[in-house]
PDB file of N, CA and C in Angstrom:
ATOM      1  N   MET A   1      34.222 105.359  77.553  1.00  0.00           N
ATOM      2  CA  MET A   1      35.455 105.051  78.236  1.00  0.00           C
ATOM      3  C   MET A   1      36.028 106.354  78.804  1.00  0.00           C
ATOM      4  N   GLU A   2      36.351 106.310  80.093  1.00  0.00           N
ATOM      5  CA  GLU A   2      36.838 107.518  80.759  1.00  0.00           C
ATOM      6  C   GLU A   2      38.337 107.695  80.517  1.00  0.00           C
ATOM      7  N   GLU A   3      38.732 108.898  80.176  1.00  0.00           N
ATOM      8  CA  GLU A   3      40.132 109.216  79.914  1.00  0.00           C
ATOM      9  C   GLU A   3      40.914 109.175  81.228  1.00  0.00           C
ATOM     10  N   GLU A   4      42.068 108.523  81.221  1.00  0.00           N
ATOM     11  CA  GLU A   4      42.897 108.441  82.430  1.00  0.00           C
ATOM     12  C   GLU A   4      43.545 109.794  82.650  1.00  0.00           C
ATOM     13  N   ARG A   5      43.401 110.331  83.844  1.00  0.00           N
ATOM     14  CA  ARG A   5      43.935 111.659  84.163  1.00  0.00           C
ATOM     15  C   ARG A   5      45.376 111.547  84.633  1.00  0.00           C
ATOM     16  N   LYS A   6      46.165 112.536  84.239  1.00  0.00           N
ATOM     17  CA  LYS A   6      47.544 112.611  84.715  1.00  0.00           C
ATOM     18  C   LYS A   6      47.524 113.060  86.168  1.00  0.00           C
ATOM     19  N   LYS A   7      48.593 112.670  86.890  1.00  0.00           N
ATOM     20  CA  LYS A   7      48.670 113.016  88.309  1.00  0.00           C
ATOM     21  C   LYS A   7      49.911 113.856  88.576  1.00  0.00           C
ATOM     22  N   CYS A   8      49.834 114.637  89.624  1.00  0.00           N
ATOM     23  CA  CYS A   8      50.952 115.484  90.069  1.00  0.00           C
ATOM     24  C   CYS A   8      52.157 114.596  90.364  1.00  0.00           C
ATOM     25  N   LEU A   9      53.327 114.981  89.863  1.00  0.00           N
ATOM     26  CA  LEU A   9      54.549 114.203  90.088  1.00  0.00           C
ATOM     27  C   LEU A   9      54.967 114.176  91.553  1.00  0.00           C
ATOM     28  N   TYR A  10      54.514 115.139  92.336  1.00  0.00           N
ATOM     29  CA  TYR A  10      54.925 115.193  93.744  1.00  0.00           C
ATOM     30  C   TYR A  10      53.904 114.552  94.681  1.00  0.00           C
ATOM     31  N   CYS A  11      52.656 114.982  94.603  1.00  0.00           N
ATOM     32  CA  CYS A  11      51.672 114.515  95.588  1.00  0.00           C
ATOM     33  C   CYS A  11      50.708 113.474  95.044  1.00  0.00           C
ATOM     34  N   GLY A  12      50.642 113.318  93.719  1.00  0.00           N
ATOM     35  CA  GLY A  12      49.773 112.313  93.135  1.00  0.00           C
ATOM     36  C   GLY A  12      48.344 112.750  92.897  1.00  0.00           C
ATOM     37  N   GLU A  13      48.016 113.993  93.189  1.00  0.00           N
ATOM     38  CA  GLU A  13      46.654 114.509  92.952  1.00  0.00           C
ATOM     39  C   GLU A  13      46.397 114.603  91.461  1.00  0.00           C
ATOM     40  N   PRO A  14      45.141 114.413  91.035  1.00  0.00           N
ATOM     41  CA  PRO A  14      44.812 114.563  89.614  1.00  0.00           C
ATOM     42  C   PRO A  14      45.053 116.004  89.153  1.00  0.00           C
ATOM     43  N   LEU A  15      45.533 116.146  87.925  1.00  0.00           N
ATOM     44  CA  LEU A  15      45.839 117.471  87.382  1.00  0.00           C
ATOM     45  C   LEU A  15      44.652 118.014  86.603  1.00  0.00           C
ATOM     46  N   ILE A  16      44.403 119.284  86.816  1.00  0.00           N
ATOM     47  CA  ILE A  16      43.326 119.976  86.123  1.00  0.00           C
ATOM     48  C   ILE A  16      43.949 121.141  85.374  1.00  0.00           C
ATOM     49  N   GLY A  17      43.611 121.286  84.105  1.00  0.00           N
ATOM     50  CA  GLY A  17      44.131 122.418  83.342  1.00  0.00           C
ATOM     51  C   GLY A  17      44.876 121.960  82.111  1.00  0.00           C
ATOM     52  N   ARG A  18      45.996 122.600  81.852  1.00  0.00           N
ATOM     53  CA  ARG A  18      46.760 122.338  80.631  1.00  0.00           C
ATOM     54  C   ARG A  18      47.130 120.866  80.503  1.00  0.00           C
ATOM     55  N   ILE A  19      47.240 120.426  79.274  1.00  0.00           N
ATOM     56  CA  ILE A  19      47.530 119.019  79.003  1.00  0.00           C
ATOM     57  C   ILE A  19      48.978 118.653  79.361  1.00  0.00           C
ATOM     58  N   ASP A  20      49.887 119.627  79.322  1.00  0.00           N
ATOM     59  CA  ASP A  20      51.294 119.354  79.620  1.00  0.00           C
ATOM     60  C   ASP A  20      51.661 119.680  81.068  1.00  0.00           C
ATOM     61  N   LYS A  21      50.696 119.905  81.905  1.00  0.00           N
ATOM     62  CA  LYS A  21      50.920 120.241  83.304  1.00  0.00           C
ATOM     63  C   LYS A  21      51.503 119.028  84.036  1.00  0.00           C
ATOM     64  N   LYS A  22      52.475 119.259  84.930  1.00  0.00           N
ATOM     65  CA  LYS A  22      53.117 118.167  85.663  1.00  0.00           C
ATOM     66  C   LYS A  22      52.850 118.228  87.163  1.00  0.00           C
ATOM     67  N   PHE A  23      52.512 119.406  87.660  1.00  0.00           N
ATOM     68  CA  PHE A  23      52.309 119.600  89.096  1.00  0.00           C
ATOM     69  C   PHE A  23      50.982 120.298  89.333  1.00  0.00           C
ATOM     70  N   CYS A  24      50.375 120.016  90.474  1.00  0.00           N
ATOM     71  CA  CYS A  24      49.078 120.623  90.768  1.00  0.00           C
ATOM     72  C   CYS A  24      49.224 122.056  91.270  1.00  0.00           C
ATOM     73  N   CYS A  25      50.390 122.406  91.836  1.00  0.00           N
ATOM     74  CA  CYS A  25      50.593 123.767  92.352  1.00  0.00           C
ATOM     75  C   CYS A  25      52.085 124.080  92.422  1.00  0.00           C
ATOM     76  N   ASP A  26      52.390 125.340  92.670  1.00  0.00           N
ATOM     77  CA  ASP A  26      53.789 125.769  92.774  1.00  0.00           C
ATOM     78  C   ASP A  26      54.501 125.097  93.940  1.00  0.00           C
ATOM     79  N   SER A  27      53.797 124.875  95.013  1.00  0.00           N
ATOM     80  CA  SER A  27      54.395 124.239  96.186  1.00  0.00           C
ATOM     81  C   SER A  27      54.898 122.832  95.853  1.00  0.00           C
ATOM     82  N   CYS A  28      54.087 122.053  95.136  1.00  0.00           N
ATOM     83  CA  CYS A  28      54.492 120.706  94.733  1.00  0.00           C
ATOM     84  C   CYS A  28      55.671 120.760  93.760  1.00  0.00           C
ATOM     85  N   ARG A  29      55.643 121.705  92.832  1.00  0.00           N
ATOM     86  CA  ARG A  29      56.742 121.856  91.870  1.00  0.00           C
ATOM     87  C   ARG A  29      58.039 122.191  92.593  1.00  0.00           C
ATOM     88  N   ASN A  30      57.967 123.138  93.533  1.00  0.00           N
ATOM     89  CA  ASN A  30      59.161 123.530  94.289  1.00  0.00           C
ATOM     90  C   ASN A  30      59.681 122.379  95.144  1.00  0.00           C
ATOM     91  N   SER A  31      58.805 121.673  95.815  1.00  0.00           N
ATOM     92  CA  SER A  31      59.203 120.555  96.674  1.00  0.00           C
ATOM     93  C   SER A  31      59.836 119.439  95.858  1.00  0.00           C
ATOM     94  N   TYR A  32      59.246 119.133  94.715  1.00  0.00           N
ATOM     95  CA  TYR A  32      59.770 118.084  93.834  1.00  0.00           C
ATOM     96  C   TYR A  32      61.185 118.432  93.365  1.00  0.00           C
ATOM     97  N   ASN A  33      61.367 119.647  92.882  1.00  0.00           N
ATOM     98  CA  ASN A  33      62.676 120.058  92.380  1.00  0.00           C
ATOM     99  C   ASN A  33      63.709 120.177  93.495  1.00  0.00           C
ATOM    100  N   TYR A  34      63.305 120.598  94.682  1.00  0.00           N
ATOM    101  CA  TYR A  34      64.222 120.675  95.814  1.00  0.00           C
ATOM    102  C   TYR A  34      64.726 119.284  96.172  1.00  0.00           C
ATOM    103  N   GLU A  35      63.816 118.321  96.290  1.00  0.00           N
ATOM    104  CA  GLU A  35      64.214 116.964  96.648  1.00  0.00           C
ATOM    105  C   GLU A  35      65.097 116.339  95.576  1.00  0.00           C
ATOM    106  N   LYS A  36      64.806 116.631  94.332  1.00  0.00           N
ATOM    107  CA  LYS A  36      65.565 116.082  93.211  1.00  0.00           C
ATOM    108  C   LYS A  36      67.020 116.563  93.235  1.00  0.00           C
ATOM    109  N   THR A  37      67.233 117.839  93.517  1.00  0.00           N
ATOM    110  CA  THR A  37      68.591 118.390  93.490  1.00  0.00           C
ATOM    111  C   THR A  37      69.283 118.346  94.848  1.00  0.00           C
ATOM    112  N   HIS A  38      68.543 118.219  95.924  1.00  0.00           N
ATOM    113  CA  HIS A  38      69.109 118.259  97.266  1.00  0.00           C
ATOM    114  C   HIS A  38      70.135 117.146  97.483  1.00  0.00           C
ATOM    115  N   LYS A  39      69.844 115.940  97.016  1.00  0.00           N
ATOM    116  CA  LYS A  39      70.767 114.814  97.184  1.00  0.00           C
ATOM    117  C   LYS A  39      72.070 115.068  96.441  1.00  0.00           C
ATOM    118  N   GLN A  40      71.993 115.592  95.220  1.00  0.00           N
ATOM    119  CA  GLN A  40      73.182 115.876  94.427  1.00  0.00           C
ATOM    120  C   GLN A  40      74.033 116.952  95.093  1.00  0.00           C
ATOM    121  N   VAL A  41      73.383 117.993  95.574  1.00  0.00           N
ATOM    122  CA  VAL A  41      74.100 119.100  96.207  1.00  0.00           C
ATOM    123  C   VAL A  41      74.796 118.623  97.475  1.00  0.00           C
ATOM    124  N   ASN A  42      74.113 117.808  98.274  1.00  0.00           N
ATOM    125  CA  ASN A  42      74.732 117.293  99.495  1.00  0.00           C
ATOM    126  C   ASN A  42      75.923 116.399  99.200  1.00  0.00           C
ATOM    127  N   LEU A  43      75.840 115.576  98.153  1.00  0.00           N
ATOM    128  CA  LEU A  43      76.956 114.721  97.780  1.00  0.00           C
ATOM    129  C   LEU A  43      78.163 115.564  97.385  1.00  0.00           C
ATOM    130  N   ILE A  44      77.937 116.568  96.560  1.00  0.00           N
ATOM    131  CA  ILE A  44      79.029 117.449  96.137  1.00  0.00           C
ATOM    132  C   ILE A  44      79.621 118.186  97.330  1.00  0.00           C
ATOM    133  N   ARG A  45      78.768 118.677  98.213  1.00  0.00           N
ATOM    134  CA  ARG A  45      79.231 119.380  99.407  1.00  0.00           C
ATOM    135  C   ARG A  45      80.081 118.458 100.279  1.00  0.00           C
ATOM    136  N   LYS A  46      79.664 117.210 100.425  1.00  0.00           N
ATOM    137  CA  LYS A  46      80.403 116.245 101.242  1.00  0.00           C
ATOM    138  C   LYS A  46      81.781 115.961 100.638  1.00  0.00           C
ATOM    139  N   ILE A  47      81.830 115.722  99.329  1.00  0.00           N
ATOM    140  CA  ILE A  47      83.105 115.437  98.663  1.00  0.00           C
ATOM    141  C   ILE A  47      84.028 116.639  98.729  1.00  0.00           C
ATOM    142  N   ASN A  48      83.505 117.837  98.500  1.00  0.00           N
ATOM    143  CA  ASN A  48      84.335 119.044  98.604  1.00  0.00           C
ATOM    144  C   ASN A  48      84.889 119.219 100.012  1.00  0.00           C
ATOM    145  N   GLY A  49      84.109 118.865 101.016  1.00  0.00           N
ATOM    146  CA  GLY A  49      84.582 118.937 102.403  1.00  0.00           C
ATOM    147  C   GLY A  49      85.729 117.974 102.652  1.00  0.00           C
ATOM    148  N   ILE A  50      85.624 116.759 102.132  1.00  0.00           N
ATOM    149  CA  ILE A  50      86.693 115.761 102.297  1.00  0.00           C
ATOM    150  C   ILE A  50      87.950 116.227 101.580  1.00  0.00           C
ATOM    151  N   LEU A  51      87.806 116.738 100.361  1.00  0.00           N
ATOM    152  CA  LEU A  51      88.969 117.241  99.615  1.00  0.00           C
ATOM    153  C   LEU A  51      89.636 118.402 100.343  1.00  0.00           C
ATOM    154  N   ALA A  52      88.845 119.308 100.883  1.00  0.00           N
ATOM    155  CA  ALA A  52      89.407 120.446 101.620  1.00  0.00           C
ATOM    156  C   ALA A  52      90.159 119.971 102.855  1.00  0.00           C
ATOM    157  N   ARG A  53      89.581 119.009 103.574  1.00  0.00           N
ATOM    158  CA  ARG A  53      90.255 118.477 104.766  1.00  0.00           C
ATOM    159  C   ARG A  53      91.566 117.793 104.376  1.00  0.00           C
ATOM    160  N   ASN A  54      91.537 116.969 103.316  1.00  0.00           N
ATOM    161  CA  ASN A  54      92.761 116.306 102.861  1.00  0.00           C
ATOM    162  C   ASN A  54      93.831 117.324 102.484  1.00  0.00           C
ATOM    163  N   ARG A  55      93.443 118.371 101.757  1.00  0.00           N
ATOM    164  CA  ARG A  55      94.407 119.397 101.360  1.00  0.00           C
ATOM    165  C   ARG A  55      95.000 120.100 102.575  1.00  0.00           C
ATOM    166  N   ASN A  56      94.153 120.443 103.536  1.00  0.00           N
ATOM    167  CA  ASN A  56      94.634 121.118 104.743  1.00  0.00           C
ATOM    168  C   ASN A  56      95.596 120.240 105.541  1.00  0.00           C
ATOM    169  N   ILE A  57      95.326 118.951 105.603  1.00  0.00           N
ATOM    170  CA  ILE A  57      96.213 118.022 106.308  1.00  0.00           C
ATOM    171  C   ILE A  57      97.567 117.969 105.618  1.00  0.00           C
ATOM    172  N   LEU A  58      97.556 117.832 104.296  1.00  0.00           N
ATOM    173  CA  LEU A  58      98.823 117.798 103.552  1.00  0.00           C
ATOM    174  C   LEU A  58      99.589 119.107 103.705  1.00  0.00           C
ATOM    175  N   GLU A  59      98.886 120.225 103.654  1.00  0.00           N
ATOM    176  CA  GLU A  59      99.536 121.529 103.796  1.00  0.00           C
ATOM    177  C   GLU A  59     100.145 121.688 105.184  1.00  0.00           C
ATOM    178  N   GLU A  60      99.432 121.231 106.199  1.00  0.00           N
ATOM    179  CA  GLU A  60      99.935 121.316 107.583  1.00  0.00           C
ATOM    180  C   GLU A  60     101.187 120.459 107.781  1.00  0.00           C
ATOM    181  N   LEU A  61     101.196 119.268 107.195  1.00  0.00           N
ATOM    182  CA  LEU A  61     102.335 118.359 107.363  1.00  0.00           C
ATOM    183  C   LEU A  61     103.479 118.643 106.397  1.00  0.00           C
ATOM    184  N   ASN A  62     103.261 119.546 105.448  1.00  0.00           N
ATOM    185  CA  ASN A  62     104.270 119.857 104.436  1.00  0.00           C
ATOM    186  C   ASN A  62     104.474 121.367 104.316  1.00  0.00           C
ATOM    187  N   PRO A  63     104.954 122.027 105.371  1.00  0.00           N
ATOM    188  CA  PRO A  63     105.074 123.490 105.323  1.00  0.00           C
ATOM    189  C   PRO A  63     106.189 123.997 104.400  1.00  0.00           C
ATOM    190  N   ASN A  64     107.195 123.161 104.115  1.00  0.00           N
ATOM    191  CA  ASN A  64     108.344 123.623 103.332  1.00  0.00           C
ATOM    192  C   ASN A  64     108.348 123.166 101.880  1.00  0.00           C
ATOM    193  N   GLY A  65     107.312 122.471 101.443  1.00  0.00           N
ATOM    194  CA  GLY A  65     107.257 122.048 100.049  1.00  0.00           C
ATOM    195  C   GLY A  65     107.668 120.615  99.813  1.00  0.00           C
ATOM    196  N   LYS A  66     108.393 120.005 100.761  1.00  0.00           N
ATOM    197  CA  LYS A  66     108.748 118.593 100.656  1.00  0.00           C
ATOM    198  C   LYS A  66     109.004 118.062 102.056  1.00  0.00           C
ATOM    199  N   SER A  67     108.316 116.983 102.395  1.00  0.00           N
ATOM    200  CA  SER A  67     108.519 116.368 103.712  1.00  0.00           C
ATOM    201  C   SER A  67     108.131 114.903 103.661  1.00  0.00           C
ATOM    202  N   TYR A  68     108.356 114.225 104.784  1.00  0.00           N
ATOM    203  CA  TYR A  68     108.097 112.797 104.885  1.00  0.00           C
ATOM    204  C   TYR A  68     107.159 112.541 106.057  1.00  0.00           C
ATOM    205  N   VAL A  69     106.179 111.675 105.832  1.00  0.00           N
ATOM    206  CA  VAL A  69     105.231 111.311 106.885  1.00  0.00           C
ATOM    207  C   VAL A  69     104.904 109.828 106.784  1.00  0.00           C
ATOM    208  N   THR A  70     104.269 109.320 107.831  1.00  0.00           N
ATOM    209  CA  THR A  70     103.827 107.931 107.817  1.00  0.00           C
ATOM    210  C   THR A  70     102.330 107.875 107.510  1.00  0.00           C
ATOM    211  N   ARG A  71     101.888 106.716 107.087  1.00  0.00           N
ATOM    212  CA  ARG A  71     100.460 106.497 106.844  1.00  0.00           C
ATOM    213  C   ARG A  71      99.674 106.766 108.121  1.00  0.00           C
ATOM    214  N   GLN A  72     100.239 106.343 109.259  1.00  0.00           N
ATOM    215  CA  GLN A  72      99.566 106.525 110.544  1.00  0.00           C
ATOM    216  C   GLN A  72      99.362 108.009 110.870  1.00  0.00           C
ATOM    217  N   GLN A  73     100.364 108.834 110.600  1.00  0.00           N
ATOM    218  CA  GLN A  73     100.219 110.271 110.842  1.00  0.00           C
ATOM    219  C   GLN A  73      99.070 110.858 110.035  1.00  0.00           C
ATOM    220  N   LEU A  74      98.972 110.456 108.775  1.00  0.00           N
ATOM    221  CA  LEU A  74      97.898 110.957 107.923  1.00  0.00           C
ATOM    222  C   LEU A  74      96.537 110.470 108.422  1.00  0.00           C
ATOM    223  N   LYS A  75      96.442 109.201 108.785  1.00  0.00           N
ATOM    224  CA  LYS A  75      95.174 108.648 109.273  1.00  0.00           C
ATOM    225  C   LYS A  75      94.742 109.302 110.579  1.00  0.00           C
ATOM    226  N   GLU A  76      95.677 109.557 111.474  1.00  0.00           N
ATOM    227  CA  GLU A  76      95.350 110.190 112.759  1.00  0.00           C
ATOM    228  C   GLU A  76      94.753 111.584 112.562  1.00  0.00           C
ATOM    229  N   LYS A  77      95.173 112.263 111.525  1.00  0.00           N
ATOM    230  CA  LYS A  77      94.653 113.603 111.238  1.00  0.00           C
ATOM    231  C   LYS A  77      93.306 113.545 110.509  1.00  0.00           C
ATOM    232  N   GLY A  78      92.923 112.346 110.027  1.00  0.00           N
ATOM    233  CA  GLY A  78      91.645 112.202 109.342  1.00  0.00           C
ATOM    234  C   GLY A  78      91.744 112.185 107.829  1.00  0.00           C
ATOM    235  N   PHE A  79      92.926 111.941 107.302  1.00  0.00           N
ATOM    236  CA  PHE A  79      93.136 111.918 105.855  1.00  0.00           C
ATOM    237  C   PHE A  79      92.393 110.736 105.243  1.00  0.00           C
ATOM    238  N   ASP A  80      91.716 110.952 104.111  1.00  0.00           N
ATOM    239  CA  ASP A  80      90.979 109.906 103.407  1.00  0.00           C
ATOM    240  C   ASP A  80      91.665 109.659 102.067  1.00  0.00           C
ATOM    241  N   PHE A  81      92.316 108.504 101.944  1.00  0.00           N
ATOM    242  CA  PHE A  81      93.110 108.189 100.757  1.00  0.00           C
ATOM    243  C   PHE A  81      92.275 107.974  99.497  1.00  0.00           C
ATOM    244  N   LYS A  82      90.967 107.807  99.632  1.00  0.00           N
ATOM    245  CA  LYS A  82      90.115 107.571  98.464  1.00  0.00           C
ATOM    246  C   LYS A  82      89.831 108.845  97.675  1.00  0.00           C
ATOM    247  N   TYR A  83      90.081 110.006  98.277  1.00  0.00           N
ATOM    248  CA  TYR A  83      89.709 111.272  97.637  1.00  0.00           C
ATOM    249  C   TYR A  83      90.935 112.105  97.294  1.00  0.00           C
ATOM    250  N   PHE A  84      91.088 112.395  96.013  1.00  0.00           N
ATOM    251  CA  PHE A  84      92.158 113.254  95.510  1.00  0.00           C
ATOM    252  C   PHE A  84      91.664 113.868  94.215  1.00  0.00           C
ATOM    253  N   THR A  85      92.346 114.916  93.738  1.00  0.00           N
ATOM    254  CA  THR A  85      91.849 115.622  92.558  1.00  0.00           C
ATOM    255  C   THR A  85      92.541 115.214  91.267  1.00  0.00           C
ATOM    256  N   SER A  86      93.785 114.712  91.355  1.00  0.00           N
ATOM    257  CA  SER A  86      94.483 114.305  90.137  1.00  0.00           C
ATOM    258  C   SER A  86      95.645 113.387  90.479  1.00  0.00           C
ATOM    259  N   THR A  87      96.197 112.760  89.438  1.00  0.00           N
ATOM    260  CA  THR A  87      97.398 111.940  89.603  1.00  0.00           C
ATOM    261  C   THR A  87      98.435 112.381  88.580  1.00  0.00           C
ATOM    262  N   TYR A  88      99.679 112.079  88.901  1.00  0.00           N
ATOM    263  CA  TYR A  88     100.777 112.351  87.974  1.00  0.00           C
ATOM    264  C   TYR A  88     101.718 111.158  88.034  1.00  0.00           C
ATOM    265  N   THR A  89     101.998 110.554  86.888  1.00  0.00           N
ATOM    266  CA  THR A  89     102.897 109.409  86.819  1.00  0.00           C
ATOM    267  C   THR A  89     104.228 109.866  86.233  1.00  0.00           C
ATOM    268  N   THR A  90     105.298 109.591  86.961  1.00  0.00           N
ATOM    269  CA  THR A  90     106.633 109.969  86.495  1.00  0.00           C
ATOM    270  C   THR A  90     107.114 108.959  85.453  1.00  0.00           C
ATOM    271  N   LYS A  91     108.228 109.293  84.786  1.00  0.00           N
ATOM    272  CA  LYS A  91     108.818 108.377  83.811  1.00  0.00           C
ATOM    273  C   LYS A  91     109.255 107.077  84.478  1.00  0.00           C
ATOM    274  N   ALA A  92     109.630 107.162  85.756  1.00  0.00           N
ATOM    275  CA  ALA A  92     110.063 105.977  86.501  1.00  0.00           C
ATOM    276  C   ALA A  92     108.879 105.121  86.950  1.00  0.00           C
ATOM    277  N   GLY A  93     107.656 105.646  86.788  1.00  0.00           N
ATOM    278  CA  GLY A  93     106.474 104.868  87.141  1.00  0.00           C
ATOM    279  C   GLY A  93     105.871 105.191  88.494  1.00  0.00           C
ATOM    280  N   SER A  94     106.423 106.151  89.221  1.00  0.00           N
ATOM    281  CA  SER A  94     105.846 106.558  90.506  1.00  0.00           C
ATOM    282  C   SER A  94     104.568 107.351  90.256  1.00  0.00           C
ATOM    283  N   VAL A  95     103.541 107.031  91.029  1.00  0.00           N
ATOM    284  CA  VAL A  95     102.263 107.714  90.859  1.00  0.00           C
ATOM    285  C   VAL A  95     102.037 108.663  92.031  1.00  0.00           C
ATOM    286  N   TYR A  96     102.040 109.958  91.731  1.00  0.00           N
ATOM    287  CA  TYR A  96     101.759 110.985  92.725  1.00  0.00           C
ATOM    288  C   TYR A  96     100.257 111.245  92.725  1.00  0.00           C
ATOM    289  N   HIS A  97      99.666 111.298  93.890  1.00  0.00           N
ATOM    290  CA  HIS A  97      98.263 111.681  94.026  1.00  0.00           C
ATOM    291  C   HIS A  97      98.241 113.116  94.543  1.00  0.00           C
ATOM    292  N   PHE A  98      97.470 113.964  93.880  1.00  0.00           N
ATOM    293  CA  PHE A  98      97.400 115.367  94.275  1.00  0.00           C
ATOM    294  C   PHE A  98      96.003 115.713  94.770  1.00  0.00           C
ATOM    295  N   VAL A  99      95.979 116.533  95.810  1.00  0.00           N
ATOM    296  CA  VAL A  99      94.757 117.180  96.276  1.00  0.00           C
ATOM    297  C   VAL A  99      95.015 118.663  96.025  1.00  0.00           C
ATOM    298  N   TYR A 100      94.546 119.113  94.883  1.00  0.00           N
ATOM    299  CA  TYR A 100      94.858 120.443  94.357  1.00  0.00           C
ATOM    300  C   TYR A 100      96.365 120.548  94.185  1.00  0.00           C
ATOM    301  N   GLU A 101      97.065 121.449  94.877  1.00  0.00           N
ATOM    302  CA  GLU A 101      98.508 121.586  94.658  1.00  0.00           C
ATOM    303  C   GLU A 101      99.351 120.737  95.603  1.00  0.00           C
ATOM    304  N   GLN A 102      98.730 120.106  96.589  1.00  0.00           N
ATOM    305  CA  GLN A 102      99.446 119.280  97.562  1.00  0.00           C
ATOM    306  C   GLN A 102      99.417 117.820  97.108  1.00  0.00           C
ATOM    307  N   GLY A 103     100.609 117.182  97.050  1.00  0.00           N
ATOM    308  CA  GLY A 103     100.676 115.811  96.565  1.00  0.00           C
ATOM    309  C   GLY A 103     101.394 114.884  97.518  1.00  0.00           C
ATOM    310  N   TYR A 104     101.204 113.581  97.286  1.00  0.00           N
ATOM    311  CA  TYR A 104     101.889 112.568  98.071  1.00  0.00           C
ATOM    312  C   TYR A 104     102.157 111.348  97.211  1.00  0.00           C
ATOM    313  N   VAL A 105     103.223 110.647  97.544  1.00  0.00           N
ATOM    314  CA  VAL A 105     103.600 109.420  96.847  1.00  0.00           C
ATOM    315  C   VAL A 105     104.243 108.494  97.871  1.00  0.00           C
ATOM    316  N   PRO A 106     103.955 107.190  97.816  1.00  0.00           N
ATOM    317  CA  PRO A 106     104.631 106.274  98.740  1.00  0.00           C
ATOM    318  C   PRO A 106     106.125 106.249  98.453  1.00  0.00           C
ATOM    319  N   LYS A 107     106.919 106.124  99.516  1.00  0.00           N
ATOM    320  CA  LYS A 107     108.355 105.962  99.322  1.00  0.00           C
ATOM    321  C   LYS A 107     108.592 104.651  98.579  1.00  0.00           C
ATOM    322  N   GLU A 108     109.709 104.539  97.915  1.00  0.00           N
ATOM    323  CA  GLU A 108     110.007 103.332  97.154  1.00  0.00           C
ATOM    324  C   GLU A 108     109.923 102.099  98.039  1.00  0.00           C
ATOM    325  N   ASN A 109     109.157 101.111  97.592  1.00  0.00           N
ATOM    326  CA  ASN A 109     108.999  99.819  98.273  1.00  0.00           C
ATOM    327  C   ASN A 109     108.547  99.942  99.722  1.00  0.00           C
ATOM    328  N   ASP A 110     107.805 100.991 100.058  1.00  0.00           N
ATOM    329  CA  ASP A 110     107.336 101.177 101.435  1.00  0.00           C
ATOM    330  C   ASP A 110     105.992 101.906 101.398  1.00  0.00           C
ATOM    331  N   ILE A 111     104.902 101.160 101.528  1.00  0.00           N
ATOM    332  CA  ILE A 111     103.570 101.767 101.419  1.00  0.00           C
ATOM    333  C   ILE A 111     103.140 102.473 102.697  1.00  0.00           C
ATOM    334  N   ASP A 112     103.926 102.378 103.772  1.00  0.00           N
ATOM    335  CA  ASP A 112     103.563 103.025 105.031  1.00  0.00           C
ATOM    336  C   ASP A 112     104.251 104.368 105.253  1.00  0.00           C
ATOM    337  N   HIS A 113     105.117 104.774 104.341  1.00  0.00           N
ATOM    338  CA  HIS A 113     105.790 106.066 104.429  1.00  0.00           C
ATOM    339  C   HIS A 113     105.593 106.824 103.123  1.00  0.00           C
ATOM    340  N   PHE A 114     105.349 108.126 103.262  1.00  0.00           N
ATOM    341  CA  PHE A 114     105.041 108.944 102.091  1.00  0.00           C
ATOM    342  C   PHE A 114     105.961 110.145 102.001  1.00  0.00           C
ATOM    343  N   VAL A 115     106.192 110.557 100.761  1.00  0.00           N
ATOM    344  CA  VAL A 115     106.863 111.820 100.479  1.00  0.00           C
ATOM    345  C   VAL A 115     105.755 112.802 100.120  1.00  0.00           C
ATOM    346  N   LEU A 116     105.727 113.930 100.816  1.00  0.00           N
ATOM    347  CA  LEU A 116     104.751 114.984 100.511  1.00  0.00           C
ATOM    348  C   LEU A 116     105.437 116.047  99.678  1.00  0.00           C
ATOM    349  N   VAL A 117     104.753 116.536  98.652  1.00  0.00           N
ATOM    350  CA  VAL A 117     105.318 117.563  97.773  1.00  0.00           C
ATOM    351  C   VAL A 117     104.264 118.621  97.500  1.00  0.00           C
ATOM    352  N   ARG A 118     104.724 119.775  97.085  1.00  0.00           N
ATOM    353  CA  ARG A 118     103.819 120.839  96.645  1.00  0.00           C
ATOM    354  C   ARG A 118     104.145 121.126  95.190  1.00  0.00           C
ATOM    355  N   ASN A 119     103.121 121.183  94.353  1.00  0.00           N
ATOM    356  CA  ASN A 119     103.307 121.504  92.945  1.00  0.00           C
ATOM    357  C   ASN A 119     103.456 123.004  92.816  1.00  0.00           C
ATOM    358  N   ALA A 120     104.652 123.470  92.552  1.00  0.00           N
ATOM    359  CA  ALA A 120     104.929 124.901  92.495  1.00  0.00           C
ATOM    360  C   ALA A 120     104.255 125.569  91.296  1.00  0.00           C
ATOM    361  N   GLU A 121     103.911 124.804  90.281  1.00  0.00           N
ATOM    362  CA  GLU A 121     103.310 125.377  89.078  1.00  0.00           C
ATOM    363  C   GLU A 121     101.872 125.849  89.330  1.00  0.00           C
ATOM    364  N   LEU A 122     101.237 125.309  90.362  1.00  0.00           N
ATOM    365  CA  LEU A 122      99.832 125.669  90.601  1.00  0.00           C
ATOM    366  C   LEU A 122      99.716 126.846  91.485  1.00  0.00           C
TER     367      LEU A 122
END
């Protein structure tokens, strides 16, 4: 009975040599590991880009530390409401969404207008 040979994780070629070998050559090992981490790195890079853009938009619209804007103004600048770095809930129940030190909260009973704030502690 012939022993089944292990194959390279990248190209599928039969492996010759050590029993714990996973790749047939350095090129296959490098290519495999690059592809494995490349997707993760691109995802992180994309999310960091969105967060940076959101922060810059809030900073531009809030030069004095507190201001008021509409949802439309934020959307026109390219703000993405799905991405933020933290939240803060007040005792009254208002939920502030922060993108680093820049935050926003809907005005009371009005989801189309926002109060922009800067967290001075950061």
